[in-house]
């Protein structure tokens, strides 16, 4: 399966490979923003709400994380629909967005894919 993806990339024009690499790097940025907002929401805003009686932290951070999450999902759908991603990889990227610190796993995956696209 990996060989097929590699062969598909080798037949792509150099400009297309660079566009794919750029898209993966933008996806990595969205992934880290989404993961960072999730961590802030769970480990800063929620404790402030429940332990310090400051519910405004969740009111502020909740929509910020929601927007970051929807942006990440939109970019994930665009990237996967462009091709070259297996169902398993797609599910891993989606599930990692639901888990605190999962964004760092996804960012590493995206960085590796971008690096491999650059070497072809």
PDB file of N, CA and C in Angstrom:
ATOM      1  N   UNK A   1       0.826  -1.188   0.000  1.00  0.00           N
ATOM      2  CA  UNK A   1       0.000   0.000   0.000  1.00  0.00           C
ATOM      3  C   UNK A   1       0.868   1.248   0.000  1.00  0.00           C
ATOM      4  N   UNK A   2       1.906   1.264   0.852  1.00  0.00           N
ATOM      5  CA  UNK A   2       2.799   2.412   0.897  1.00  0.00           C
ATOM      6  C   UNK A   2       3.493   2.602  -0.450  1.00  0.00           C
ATOM      7  N   UNK A   3       3.813   1.499  -1.112  1.00  0.00           N
ATOM      8  CA  UNK A   3       4.483   1.570  -2.406  1.00  0.00           C
ATOM      9  C   UNK A   3       3.593   2.250  -3.436  1.00  0.00           C
ATOM     10  N   UNK A   4       2.296   1.960  -3.391  1.00  0.00           N
ATOM     11  CA  UNK A   4       1.366   2.574  -4.333  1.00  0.00           C
ATOM     12  C   UNK A   4       1.326   4.089  -4.144  1.00  0.00           C
ATOM     13  N   UNK A   5       1.284   4.540  -2.882  1.00  0.00           N
ATOM     14  CA  UNK A   5       1.268   5.986  -2.613  1.00  0.00           C
ATOM     15  C   UNK A   5       2.548   6.625  -3.111  1.00  0.00           C
ATOM     16  N   UNK A   6       3.671   5.959  -2.886  1.00  0.00           N
ATOM     17  CA  UNK A   6       4.952   6.488  -3.336  1.00  0.00           C
ATOM     18  C   UNK A   6       4.975   6.605  -4.844  1.00  0.00           C
ATOM     19  N   UNK A   7       4.456   5.597  -5.535  1.00  0.00           N
ATOM     20  CA  UNK A   7       4.431   5.638  -6.997  1.00  0.00           C
ATOM     21  C   UNK A   7       3.508   6.742  -7.475  1.00  0.00           C
ATOM     22  N   UNK A   8       2.377   6.952  -6.776  1.00  0.00           N
ATOM     23  CA  UNK A   8       1.471   8.024  -7.162  1.00  0.00           C
ATOM     24  C   UNK A   8       2.173   9.368  -7.035  1.00  0.00           C
ATOM     25  N   UNK A   9       2.919   9.558  -5.958  1.00  0.00           N
ATOM     26  CA  UNK A   9       3.612  10.822  -5.755  1.00  0.00           C
ATOM     27  C   UNK A   9       4.708  11.023  -6.791  1.00  0.00           C
ATOM     28  N   UNK A  10       5.386   9.951  -7.167  1.00  0.00           N
ATOM     29  CA  UNK A  10       6.465  10.084  -8.140  1.00  0.00           C
ATOM     30  C   UNK A  10       5.956  10.522  -9.494  1.00  0.00           C
ATOM     31  N   UNK A  11       4.704  10.182  -9.798  1.00  0.00           N
ATOM     32  CA  UNK A  11       4.149  10.578 -11.085  1.00  0.00           C
ATOM     33  C   UNK A  11       3.552  11.979 -11.037  1.00  0.00           C
ATOM     34  N   UNK A  12       3.502  12.588  -9.849  1.00  0.00           N
ATOM     35  CA  UNK A  12       2.965  13.935  -9.717  1.00  0.00           C
ATOM     36  C   UNK A  12       3.994  14.950 -10.209  1.00  0.00           C
ATOM     37  N   UNK A  13       3.500  16.049 -10.672  1.00  0.00           N
ATOM     38  CA  UNK A  13       4.380  17.147 -11.068  1.00  0.00           C
ATOM     39  C   UNK A  13       5.032  17.726  -9.819  1.00  0.00           C
ATOM     40  N   UNK A  14       6.246  18.241  -9.925  1.00  0.00           N
ATOM     41  CA  UNK A  14       6.923  18.813  -8.748  1.00  0.00           C
ATOM     42  C   UNK A  14       6.104  19.896  -8.051  1.00  0.00           C
ATOM     43  N   UNK A  15       5.383  20.691  -8.818  1.00  0.00           N
ATOM     44  CA  UNK A  15       4.553  21.734  -8.220  1.00  0.00           C
ATOM     45  C   UNK A  15       3.452  21.113  -7.362  1.00  0.00           C
ATOM     46  N   UNK A  16       2.862  20.007  -7.839  1.00  0.00           N
ATOM     47  CA  UNK A  16       1.803  19.342  -7.084  1.00  0.00           C
ATOM     48  C   UNK A  16       2.352  18.762  -5.780  1.00  0.00           C
ATOM     49  N   UNK A  17       3.555  18.195  -5.825  1.00  0.00           N
ATOM     50  CA  UNK A  17       4.171  17.642  -4.618  1.00  0.00           C
ATOM     51  C   UNK A  17       4.393  18.754  -3.601  1.00  0.00           C
ATOM     52  N   UNK A  18       4.867  19.901  -4.044  1.00  0.00           N
ATOM     53  CA  UNK A  18       5.101  21.022  -3.136  1.00  0.00           C
ATOM     54  C   UNK A  18       3.791  21.560  -2.568  1.00  0.00           C
ATOM     55  N   UNK A  19       2.734  21.575  -3.371  1.00  0.00           N
ATOM     56  CA  UNK A  19       1.431  22.010  -2.873  1.00  0.00           C
ATOM     57  C   UNK A  19       0.923  21.046  -1.818  1.00  0.00           C
ATOM     58  N   UNK A  20       1.091  19.735  -2.050  1.00  0.00           N
ATOM     59  CA  UNK A  20       0.687  18.740  -1.060  1.00  0.00           C
ATOM     60  C   UNK A  20       1.484  18.898   0.224  1.00  0.00           C
ATOM     61  N   UNK A  21       2.786  19.142   0.084  1.00  0.00           N
ATOM     62  CA  UNK A  21       3.640  19.338   1.258  1.00  0.00           C
ATOM     63  C   UNK A  21       3.182  20.578   2.027  1.00  0.00           C
ATOM     64  N   UNK A  22       2.880  21.652   1.309  1.00  0.00           N
ATOM     65  CA  UNK A  22       2.391  22.870   1.951  1.00  0.00           C
ATOM     66  C   UNK A  22       1.075  22.645   2.664  1.00  0.00           C
ATOM     67  N   UNK A  23       0.200  21.867   2.038  1.00  0.00           N
ATOM     68  CA  UNK A  23      -1.087  21.567   2.665  1.00  0.00           C
ATOM     69  C   UNK A  23      -0.888  20.756   3.940  1.00  0.00           C
ATOM     70  N   UNK A  24       0.050  19.811   3.924  1.00  0.00           N
ATOM     71  CA  UNK A  24       0.320  19.015   5.124  1.00  0.00           C
ATOM     72  C   UNK A  24       0.901  19.882   6.240  1.00  0.00           C
ATOM     73  N   UNK A  25       1.755  20.830   5.893  1.00  0.00           N
ATOM     74  CA  UNK A  25       2.322  21.713   6.907  1.00  0.00           C
ATOM     75  C   UNK A  25       1.260  22.657   7.480  1.00  0.00           C
ATOM     76  N   UNK A  26       0.334  23.126   6.636  1.00  0.00           N
ATOM     77  CA  UNK A  26      -0.776  23.937   7.148  1.00  0.00           C
ATOM     78  C   UNK A  26      -1.683  23.092   8.037  1.00  0.00           C
ATOM     79  N   UNK A  27      -1.881  21.836   7.643  1.00  0.00           N
ATOM     80  CA  UNK A  27      -2.683  20.921   8.454  1.00  0.00           C
ATOM     81  C   UNK A  27      -2.013  20.689   9.805  1.00  0.00           C
ATOM     82  N   UNK A  28      -0.691  20.580   9.801  1.00  0.00           N
ATOM     83  CA  UNK A  28       0.056  20.402  11.047  1.00  0.00           C
ATOM     84  C   UNK A  28      -0.157  21.601  11.964  1.00  0.00           C
ATOM     85  N   UNK A  29      -0.135  22.803  11.406  1.00  0.00           N
ATOM     86  CA  UNK A  29      -0.365  24.005  12.204  1.00  0.00           C
ATOM     87  C   UNK A  29      -1.771  23.992  12.799  1.00  0.00           C
ATOM     88  N   UNK A  30      -2.769  23.658  11.985  1.00  0.00           N
ATOM     89  CA  UNK A  30      -4.149  23.583  12.477  1.00  0.00           C
ATOM     90  C   UNK A  30      -4.267  22.524  13.565  1.00  0.00           C
ATOM     91  N   UNK A  31      -3.561  21.421  13.389  1.00  0.00           N
ATOM     92  CA  UNK A  31      -3.567  20.341  14.367  1.00  0.00           C
ATOM     93  C   UNK A  31      -3.023  20.824  15.709  1.00  0.00           C
ATOM     94  N   UNK A  32      -1.900  21.537  15.681  1.00  0.00           N
ATOM     95  CA  UNK A  32      -1.292  22.021  16.918  1.00  0.00           C
ATOM     96  C   UNK A  32      -2.152  23.096  17.588  1.00  0.00           C
ATOM     97  N   UNK A  33      -2.789  23.947  16.801  1.00  0.00           N
ATOM     98  CA  UNK A  33      -3.684  24.964  17.371  1.00  0.00           C
ATOM     99  C   UNK A  33      -4.873  24.279  18.034  1.00  0.00           C
ATOM    100  N   UNK A  34      -5.466  23.311  17.352  1.00  0.00           N
ATOM    101  CA  UNK A  34      -6.606  22.580  17.915  1.00  0.00           C
ATOM    102  C   UNK A  34      -6.197  21.864  19.192  1.00  0.00           C
ATOM    103  N   UNK A  35      -5.067  21.191  19.165  1.00  0.00           N
ATOM    104  CA  UNK A  35      -4.604  20.471  20.353  1.00  0.00           C
ATOM    105  C   UNK A  35      -4.273  21.410  21.499  1.00  0.00           C
ATOM    106  N   UNK A  36      -3.671  22.543  21.177  1.00  0.00           N
ATOM    107  CA  UNK A  36      -3.350  23.523  22.215  1.00  0.00           C
ATOM    108  C   UNK A  36      -4.590  24.095  22.878  1.00  0.00           C
ATOM    109  N   UNK A  37      -5.609  24.383  22.075  1.00  0.00           N
ATOM    110  CA  UNK A  37      -6.849  24.919  22.661  1.00  0.00           C
ATOM    111  C   UNK A  37      -7.566  23.860  23.495  1.00  0.00           C
ATOM    112  N   UNK A  38      -7.483  22.598  23.081  1.00  0.00           N
ATOM    113  CA  UNK A  38      -8.085  21.530  23.885  1.00  0.00           C
ATOM    114  C   UNK A  38      -7.388  21.409  25.237  1.00  0.00           C
ATOM    115  N   UNK A  39      -6.064  21.465  25.221  1.00  0.00           N
ATOM    116  CA  UNK A  39      -5.303  21.381  26.474  1.00  0.00           C
ATOM    117  C   UNK A  39      -5.630  22.561  27.380  1.00  0.00           C
ATOM    118  N   UNK A  40      -5.685  23.773  26.811  1.00  0.00           N
ATOM    119  CA  UNK A  40      -6.040  24.940  27.613  1.00  0.00           C
ATOM    120  C   UNK A  40      -7.452  24.820  28.186  1.00  0.00           C
ATOM    121  N   UNK A  41      -8.362  24.330  27.367  1.00  0.00           N
ATOM    122  CA  UNK A  41      -9.741  24.178  27.835  1.00  0.00           C
ATOM    123  C   UNK A  41      -9.821  23.172  28.976  1.00  0.00           C
ATOM    124  N   UNK A  42      -9.217  21.998  28.803  1.00  0.00           N
ATOM    125  CA  UNK A  42      -9.343  20.942  29.807  1.00  0.00           C
ATOM    126  C   UNK A  42      -8.516  21.169  31.059  1.00  0.00           C
ATOM    127  N   UNK A  43      -7.318  21.719  30.898  1.00  0.00           N
ATOM    128  CA  UNK A  43      -6.411  21.796  32.037  1.00  0.00           C
ATOM    129  C   UNK A  43      -6.264  23.184  32.646  1.00  0.00           C
ATOM    130  N   UNK A  44      -6.892  24.187  32.036  1.00  0.00           N
ATOM    131  CA  UNK A  44      -6.859  25.529  32.612  1.00  0.00           C
ATOM    132  C   UNK A  44      -8.283  26.039  32.850  1.00  0.00           C
ATOM    133  N   UNK A  45      -9.081  26.099  31.784  1.00  0.00           N
ATOM    134  CA  UNK A  45     -10.405  26.725  31.886  1.00  0.00           C
ATOM    135  C   UNK A  45     -11.369  25.909  32.762  1.00  0.00           C
ATOM    136  N   UNK A  46     -11.426  24.610  32.561  1.00  0.00           N
ATOM    137  CA  UNK A  46     -12.360  23.787  33.351  1.00  0.00           C
ATOM    138  C   UNK A  46     -11.986  23.784  34.836  1.00  0.00           C
ATOM    139  N   UNK A  47     -10.695  23.609  35.197  1.00  0.00           N
ATOM    140  CA  UNK A  47     -10.365  23.720  36.626  1.00  0.00           C
ATOM    141  C   UNK A  47     -10.665  25.106  37.209  1.00  0.00           C
ATOM    142  N   UNK A  48     -10.433  26.162  36.408  1.00  0.00           N
ATOM    143  CA  UNK A  48     -10.788  27.495  36.900  1.00  0.00           C
ATOM    144  C   UNK A  48     -12.288  27.600  37.172  1.00  0.00           C
ATOM    145  N   UNK A  49     -13.070  26.985  36.334  1.00  0.00           N
ATOM    146  CA  UNK A  49     -14.532  27.025  36.517  1.00  0.00           C
ATOM    147  C   UNK A  49     -14.940  26.277  37.782  1.00  0.00           C
ATOM    148  N   UNK A  50     -14.434  25.066  37.945  1.00  0.00           N
ATOM    149  CA  UNK A  50     -14.907  24.215  39.045  1.00  0.00           C
ATOM    150  C   UNK A  50     -14.179  24.450  40.361  1.00  0.00           C
ATOM    151  N   UNK A  51     -12.921  24.800  40.322  1.00  0.00           N
ATOM    152  CA  UNK A  51     -12.163  24.961  41.566  1.00  0.00           C
ATOM    153  C   UNK A  51     -12.090  26.406  42.047  1.00  0.00           C
ATOM    154  N   UNK A  52     -12.119  27.341  41.124  1.00  0.00           N
ATOM    155  CA  UNK A  52     -12.002  28.749  41.507  1.00  0.00           C
ATOM    156  C   UNK A  52     -13.301  29.525  41.316  1.00  0.00           C
ATOM    157  N   UNK A  53     -14.331  28.851  40.801  1.00  0.00           N
ATOM    158  CA  UNK A  53     -15.611  29.534  40.609  1.00  0.00           C
ATOM    159  C   UNK A  53     -15.543  30.622  39.543  1.00  0.00           C
ATOM    160  N   UNK A  54     -14.759  30.375  38.494  1.00  0.00           N
ATOM    161  CA  UNK A  54     -14.590  31.365  37.423  1.00  0.00           C
ATOM    162  C   UNK A  54     -15.090  30.770  36.109  1.00  0.00           C
ATOM    163  N   UNK A  55     -16.415  30.786  35.888  1.00  0.00           N
ATOM    164  CA  UNK A  55     -16.977  30.148  34.689  1.00  0.00           C
ATOM    165  C   UNK A  55     -16.677  30.889  33.386  1.00  0.00           C
ATOM    166  N   UNK A  56     -16.235  32.133  33.476  1.00  0.00           N
ATOM    167  CA  UNK A  56     -15.953  32.892  32.259  1.00  0.00           C
ATOM    168  C   UNK A  56     -14.790  32.310  31.460  1.00  0.00           C
ATOM    169  N   UNK A  57     -13.910  31.571  32.119  1.00  0.00           N
ATOM    170  CA  UNK A  57     -12.785  30.954  31.409  1.00  0.00           C
ATOM    171  C   UNK A  57     -13.289  29.952  30.377  1.00  0.00           C
ATOM    172  N   UNK A  58     -14.267  29.139  30.772  1.00  0.00           N
ATOM    173  CA  UNK A  58     -14.831  28.153  29.837  1.00  0.00           C
ATOM    174  C   UNK A  58     -15.666  28.855  28.777  1.00  0.00           C
ATOM    175  N   UNK A  59     -16.369  29.900  29.159  1.00  0.00           N
ATOM    176  CA  UNK A  59     -17.166  30.650  28.192  1.00  0.00           C
ATOM    177  C   UNK A  59     -16.292  31.276  27.118  1.00  0.00           C
ATOM    178  N   UNK A  60     -15.086  31.645  27.460  1.00  0.00           N
ATOM    179  CA  UNK A  60     -14.172  32.235  26.484  1.00  0.00           C
ATOM    180  C   UNK A  60     -13.433  31.160  25.685  1.00  0.00           C
ATOM    181  N   UNK A  61     -12.942  30.142  26.374  1.00  0.00           N
ATOM    182  CA  UNK A  61     -12.094  29.140  25.720  1.00  0.00           C
ATOM    183  C   UNK A  61     -12.913  28.127  24.920  1.00  0.00           C
ATOM    184  N   UNK A  62     -14.131  27.850  25.335  1.00  0.00           N
ATOM    185  CA  UNK A  62     -14.970  26.870  24.642  1.00  0.00           C
ATOM    186  C   UNK A  62     -15.185  27.194  23.167  1.00  0.00           C
ATOM    187  N   UNK A  63     -15.667  28.387  22.845  1.00  0.00           N
ATOM    188  CA  UNK A  63     -15.859  28.728  21.433  1.00  0.00           C
ATOM    189  C   UNK A  63     -14.551  28.797  20.633  1.00  0.00           C
ATOM    190  N   UNK A  64     -13.470  29.217  21.287  1.00  0.00           N
ATOM    191  CA  UNK A  64     -12.182  29.257  20.590  1.00  0.00           C
ATOM    192  C   UNK A  64     -11.770  27.840  20.188  1.00  0.00           C
ATOM    193  N   UNK A  65     -11.897  26.901  21.127  1.00  0.00           N
ATOM    194  CA  UNK A  65     -11.564  25.511  20.810  1.00  0.00           C
ATOM    195  C   UNK A  65     -12.544  24.955  19.767  1.00  0.00           C
ATOM    196  N   UNK A  66     -13.815  25.286  19.883  1.00  0.00           N
ATOM    197  CA  UNK A  66     -14.797  24.804  18.907  1.00  0.00           C
ATOM    198  C   UNK A  66     -14.458  25.240  17.494  1.00  0.00           C
ATOM    199  N   UNK A  67     -14.074  26.490  17.346  1.00  0.00           N
ATOM    200  CA  UNK A  67     -13.686  27.003  16.030  1.00  0.00           C
ATOM    201  C   UNK A  67     -12.414  26.310  15.530  1.00  0.00           C
ATOM    202  N   UNK A  68     -11.448  26.122  16.420  1.00  0.00           N
ATOM    203  CA  UNK A  68     -10.201  25.438  16.036  1.00  0.00           C
ATOM    204  C   UNK A  68     -10.486  23.990  15.637  1.00  0.00           C
ATOM    205  N   UNK A  69     -11.374  23.320  16.349  1.00  0.00           N
ATOM    206  CA  UNK A  69     -11.713  21.929  16.040  1.00  0.00           C
ATOM    207  C   UNK A  69     -12.423  21.827  14.694  1.00  0.00           C
ATOM    208  N   UNK A  70     -13.376  22.702  14.441  1.00  0.00           N
ATOM    209  CA  UNK A  70     -14.084  22.673  13.158  1.00  0.00           C
ATOM    210  C   UNK A  70     -13.147  22.996  11.996  1.00  0.00           C
ATOM    211  N   UNK A  71     -12.226  23.915  12.208  1.00  0.00           N
ATOM    212  CA  UNK A  71     -11.233  24.235  11.177  1.00  0.00           C
ATOM    213  C   UNK A  71     -10.364  23.017  10.893  1.00  0.00           C
ATOM    214  N   UNK A  72      -9.935  22.333  11.947  1.00  0.00           N
ATOM    215  CA  UNK A  72      -9.119  21.131  11.799  1.00  0.00           C
ATOM    216  C   UNK A  72      -9.890  20.054  11.015  1.00  0.00           C
ATOM    217  N   UNK A  73     -11.151  19.836  11.369  1.00  0.00           N
ATOM    218  CA  UNK A  73     -11.947  18.825  10.657  1.00  0.00           C
ATOM    219  C   UNK A  73     -12.127  19.199   9.188  1.00  0.00           C
ATOM    220  N   UNK A  74     -12.386  20.463   8.923  1.00  0.00           N
ATOM    221  CA  UNK A  74     -12.555  20.918   7.543  1.00  0.00           C
ATOM    222  C   UNK A  74     -11.277  20.684   6.747  1.00  0.00           C
ATOM    223  N   UNK A  75     -10.136  21.014   7.337  1.00  0.00           N
ATOM    224  CA  UNK A  75      -8.864  20.806   6.654  1.00  0.00           C
ATOM    225  C   UNK A  75      -8.561  19.319   6.483  1.00  0.00           C
ATOM    226  N   UNK A  76      -8.931  18.505   7.452  1.00  0.00           N
ATOM    227  CA  UNK A  76      -8.731  17.059   7.355  1.00  0.00           C
ATOM    228  C   UNK A  76      -9.535  16.484   6.195  1.00  0.00           C
ATOM    229  N   UNK A  77     -10.779  16.894   6.077  1.00  0.00           N
ATOM    230  CA  UNK A  77     -11.622  16.420   4.976  1.00  0.00           C
ATOM    231  C   UNK A  77     -11.029  16.844   3.634  1.00  0.00           C
ATOM    232  N   UNK A  78     -10.583  18.073   3.533  1.00  0.00           N
ATOM    233  CA  UNK A  78      -9.973  18.554   2.278  1.00  0.00           C
ATOM    234  C   UNK A  78      -8.715  17.768   1.933  1.00  0.00           C
ATOM    235  N   UNK A  79      -7.880  17.523   2.926  1.00  0.00           N
ATOM    236  CA  UNK A  79      -6.621  16.833   2.687  1.00  0.00           C
ATOM    237  C   UNK A  79      -6.862  15.383   2.281  1.00  0.00           C
ATOM    238  N   UNK A  80      -7.782  14.716   2.971  1.00  0.00           N
ATOM    239  CA  UNK A  80      -8.063  13.315   2.668  1.00  0.00           C
ATOM    240  C   UNK A  80      -8.749  13.179   1.315  1.00  0.00           C
ATOM    241  N   UNK A  81      -9.623  14.103   0.984  1.00  0.00           N
ATOM    242  CA  UNK A  81     -10.323  14.016  -0.296  1.00  0.00           C
ATOM    243  C   UNK A  81      -9.376  14.263  -1.474  1.00  0.00           C
ATOM    244  N   UNK A  82      -8.232  14.901  -1.221  1.00  0.00           N
ATOM    245  CA  UNK A  82      -7.242  15.100  -2.282  1.00  0.00           C
ATOM    246  C   UNK A  82      -6.553  13.789  -2.645  1.00  0.00           C
ATOM    247  N   UNK A  83      -6.637  12.799  -1.761  1.00  0.00           N
ATOM    248  CA  UNK A  83      -6.091  11.473  -2.056  1.00  0.00           C
ATOM    249  C   UNK A  83      -4.771  11.194  -1.378  1.00  0.00           C
ATOM    250  N   UNK A  84      -4.419   9.903  -1.371  1.00  0.00           N
ATOM    251  CA  UNK A  84      -3.147   9.474  -0.824  1.00  0.00           C
ATOM    252  C   UNK A  84      -3.172   9.124   0.650  1.00  0.00           C
ATOM    253  N   UNK A  85      -4.336   9.155   1.281  1.00  0.00           N
ATOM    254  CA  UNK A  85      -4.442   8.842   2.705  1.00  0.00           C
ATOM    255  C   UNK A  85      -5.331   7.614   2.870  1.00  0.00           C
ATOM    256  N   UNK A  86      -4.874   6.666   3.642  1.00  0.00           N
ATOM    257  CA  UNK A  86      -5.662   5.460   3.886  1.00  0.00           C
ATOM    258  C   UNK A  86      -6.763   5.750   4.908  1.00  0.00           C
ATOM    259  N   UNK A  87      -7.715   4.857   4.985  1.00  0.00           N
ATOM    260  CA  UNK A  87      -8.804   5.002   5.944  1.00  0.00           C
ATOM    261  C   UNK A  87      -8.251   4.966   7.371  1.00  0.00           C
ATOM    262  N   UNK A  88      -7.274   4.082   7.608  1.00  0.00           N
ATOM    263  CA  UNK A  88      -6.679   3.968   8.937  1.00  0.00           C
ATOM    264  C   UNK A  88      -5.969   5.247   9.363  1.00  0.00           C
ATOM    265  N   UNK A  89      -5.215   5.848   8.449  1.00  0.00           N
ATOM    266  CA  UNK A  89      -4.525   7.099   8.764  1.00  0.00           C
ATOM    267  C   UNK A  89      -5.524   8.212   9.059  1.00  0.00           C
ATOM    268  N   UNK A  90      -6.586   8.242   8.297  1.00  0.00           N
ATOM    269  CA  UNK A  90      -7.621   9.258   8.494  1.00  0.00           C
ATOM    270  C   UNK A  90      -8.276   9.099   9.860  1.00  0.00           C
ATOM    271  N   UNK A  91      -8.595   7.871  10.224  1.00  0.00           N
ATOM    272  CA  UNK A  91      -9.213   7.617  11.526  1.00  0.00           C
ATOM    273  C   UNK A  91      -8.256   7.999  12.654  1.00  0.00           C
ATOM    274  N   UNK A  92      -6.975   7.684  12.504  1.00  0.00           N
ATOM    275  CA  UNK A  92      -5.995   8.050  13.534  1.00  0.00           C
ATOM    276  C   UNK A  92      -5.932   9.564  13.710  1.00  0.00           C
ATOM    277  N   UNK A  93      -5.920  10.306  12.607  1.00  0.00           N
ATOM    278  CA  UNK A  93      -5.866  11.760  12.701  1.00  0.00           C
ATOM    279  C   UNK A  93      -7.128  12.319  13.349  1.00  0.00           C
ATOM    280  N   UNK A  94      -8.270  11.714  13.068  1.00  0.00           N
ATOM    281  CA  UNK A  94      -9.527  12.167  13.659  1.00  0.00           C
ATOM    282  C   UNK A  94      -9.585  11.851  15.148  1.00  0.00           C
ATOM    283  N   UNK A  95      -9.247  10.628  15.511  1.00  0.00           N
ATOM    284  CA  UNK A  95      -9.314  10.214  16.917  1.00  0.00           C
ATOM    285  C   UNK A  95      -8.304  10.997  17.756  1.00  0.00           C
ATOM    286  N   UNK A  96      -7.135  11.258  17.201  1.00  0.00           N
ATOM    287  CA  UNK A  96      -6.119  12.014  17.937  1.00  0.00           C
ATOM    288  C   UNK A  96      -6.611  13.414  18.293  1.00  0.00           C
ATOM    289  N   UNK A  97      -7.528  13.953  17.516  1.00  0.00           N
ATOM    290  CA  UNK A  97      -8.079  15.278  17.814  1.00  0.00           C
ATOM    291  C   UNK A  97      -8.997  15.250  19.033  1.00  0.00           C
ATOM    292  N   UNK A  98      -9.466  14.076  19.397  1.00  0.00           N
ATOM    293  CA  UNK A  98     -10.380  13.941  20.534  1.00  0.00           C
ATOM    294  C   UNK A  98      -9.647  13.713  21.853  1.00  0.00           C
ATOM    295  N   UNK A  99      -8.368  13.390  21.769  1.00  0.00           N
ATOM    296  CA  UNK A  99      -7.598  12.998  22.949  1.00  0.00           C
ATOM    297  C   UNK A  99      -6.630  14.126  23.319  1.00  0.00           C
ATOM    298  N   UNK A 100      -6.594  14.512  24.595  1.00  0.00           N
ATOM    299  CA  UNK A 100      -5.594  15.511  24.979  1.00  0.00           C
ATOM    300  C   UNK A 100      -4.183  15.023  24.631  1.00  0.00           C
ATOM    301  N   UNK A 101      -3.392  15.876  24.105  1.00  0.00           N
ATOM    302  CA  UNK A 101      -2.025  15.606  23.661  1.00  0.00           C
ATOM    303  C   UNK A 101      -1.966  14.723  22.408  1.00  0.00           C
ATOM    304  N   UNK A 102      -3.096  14.341  21.860  1.00  0.00           N
ATOM    305  CA  UNK A 102      -3.123  13.569  20.620  1.00  0.00           C
ATOM    306  C   UNK A 102      -2.658  14.379  19.430  1.00  0.00           C
ATOM    307  N   UNK A 103      -2.781  15.686  19.527  1.00  0.00           N
ATOM    308  CA  UNK A 103      -2.350  16.556  18.428  1.00  0.00           C
ATOM    309  C   UNK A 103      -0.852  16.425  18.166  1.00  0.00           C
ATOM    310  N   UNK A 104      -0.089  16.131  19.194  1.00  0.00           N
ATOM    311  CA  UNK A 104       1.350  15.992  19.009  1.00  0.00           C
ATOM    312  C   UNK A 104       1.677  14.736  18.208  1.00  0.00           C
ATOM    313  N   UNK A 105       0.881  13.696  18.392  1.00  0.00           N
ATOM    314  CA  UNK A 105       1.016  12.482  17.577  1.00  0.00           C
ATOM    315  C   UNK A 105       0.687  12.800  16.122  1.00  0.00           C
ATOM    316  N   UNK A 106      -0.409  13.499  15.916  1.00  0.00           N
ATOM    317  CA  UNK A 106      -0.820  13.854  14.557  1.00  0.00           C
ATOM    318  C   UNK A 106       0.192  14.783  13.893  1.00  0.00           C
ATOM    319  N   UNK A 107       0.716  15.722  14.644  1.00  0.00           N
ATOM    320  CA  UNK A 107       1.700  16.655  14.088  1.00  0.00           C
ATOM    321  C   UNK A 107       2.946  15.909  13.628  1.00  0.00           C
ATOM    322  N   UNK A 108       3.368  14.917  14.397  1.00  0.00           N
ATOM    323  CA  UNK A 108       4.535  14.123  14.007  1.00  0.00           C
ATOM    324  C   UNK A 108       4.242  13.349  12.724  1.00  0.00           C
ATOM    325  N   UNK A 109       3.065  12.763  12.633  1.00  0.00           N
ATOM    326  CA  UNK A 109       2.662  12.032  11.426  1.00  0.00           C
ATOM    327  C   UNK A 109       2.669  12.954  10.214  1.00  0.00           C
ATOM    328  N   UNK A 110       2.094  14.134  10.357  1.00  0.00           N
ATOM    329  CA  UNK A 110       2.021  15.083   9.247  1.00  0.00           C
ATOM    330  C   UNK A 110       3.400  15.597   8.856  1.00  0.00           C
ATOM    331  N   UNK A 111       4.262  15.814   9.833  1.00  0.00           N
ATOM    332  CA  UNK A 111       5.621  16.266   9.530  1.00  0.00           C
ATOM    333  C   UNK A 111       6.378  15.205   8.740  1.00  0.00           C
ATOM    334  N   UNK A 112       6.233  13.959   9.135  1.00  0.00           N
ATOM    335  CA  UNK A 112       6.900  12.864   8.408  1.00  0.00           C
ATOM    336  C   UNK A 112       6.385  12.759   6.983  1.00  0.00           C
ATOM    337  N   UNK A 113       5.080  12.865   6.805  1.00  0.00           N
ATOM    338  CA  UNK A 113       4.517  12.786   5.457  1.00  0.00           C
ATOM    339  C   UNK A 113       4.986  13.960   4.598  1.00  0.00           C
ATOM    340  N   UNK A 114       5.047  15.145   5.183  1.00  0.00           N
ATOM    341  CA  UNK A 114       5.515  16.319   4.442  1.00  0.00           C
ATOM    342  C   UNK A 114       6.979  16.154   4.055  1.00  0.00           C
ATOM    343  N   UNK A 115       7.780  15.606   4.947  1.00  0.00           N
ATOM    344  CA  UNK A 115       9.199  15.392   4.650  1.00  0.00           C
ATOM    345  C   UNK A 115       9.374  14.354   3.550  1.00  0.00           C
ATOM    346  N   UNK A 116       8.572  13.298   3.595  1.00  0.00           N
ATOM    347  CA  UNK A 116       8.685  12.280   2.548  1.00  0.00           C
ATOM    348  C   UNK A 116       8.206  12.828   1.196  1.00  0.00           C
ATOM    349  N   UNK A 117       7.235  13.726   1.213  1.00  0.00           N
ATOM    350  CA  UNK A 117       6.761  14.338  -0.033  1.00  0.00           C
ATOM    351  C   UNK A 117       7.841  15.245  -0.610  1.00  0.00           C
ATOM    352  N   UNK A 118       8.615  15.865   0.254  1.00  0.00           N
ATOM    353  CA  UNK A 118       9.651  16.780  -0.219  1.00  0.00           C
ATOM    354  C   UNK A 118      10.825  16.038  -0.839  1.00  0.00           C
ATOM    355  N   UNK A 119      11.053  14.783  -0.425  1.00  0.00           N
ATOM    356  CA  UNK A 119      12.192  14.038  -0.943  1.00  0.00           C
ATOM    357  C   UNK A 119      11.893  13.335  -2.263  1.00  0.00           C
ATOM    358  N   UNK A 120      10.633  13.274  -2.632  1.00  0.00           N
ATOM    359  CA  UNK A 120      10.285  12.592  -3.887  1.00  0.00           C
ATOM    360  C   UNK A 120      10.416  13.511  -5.062  1.00  0.00           C
TER     361      UNK A 120
END
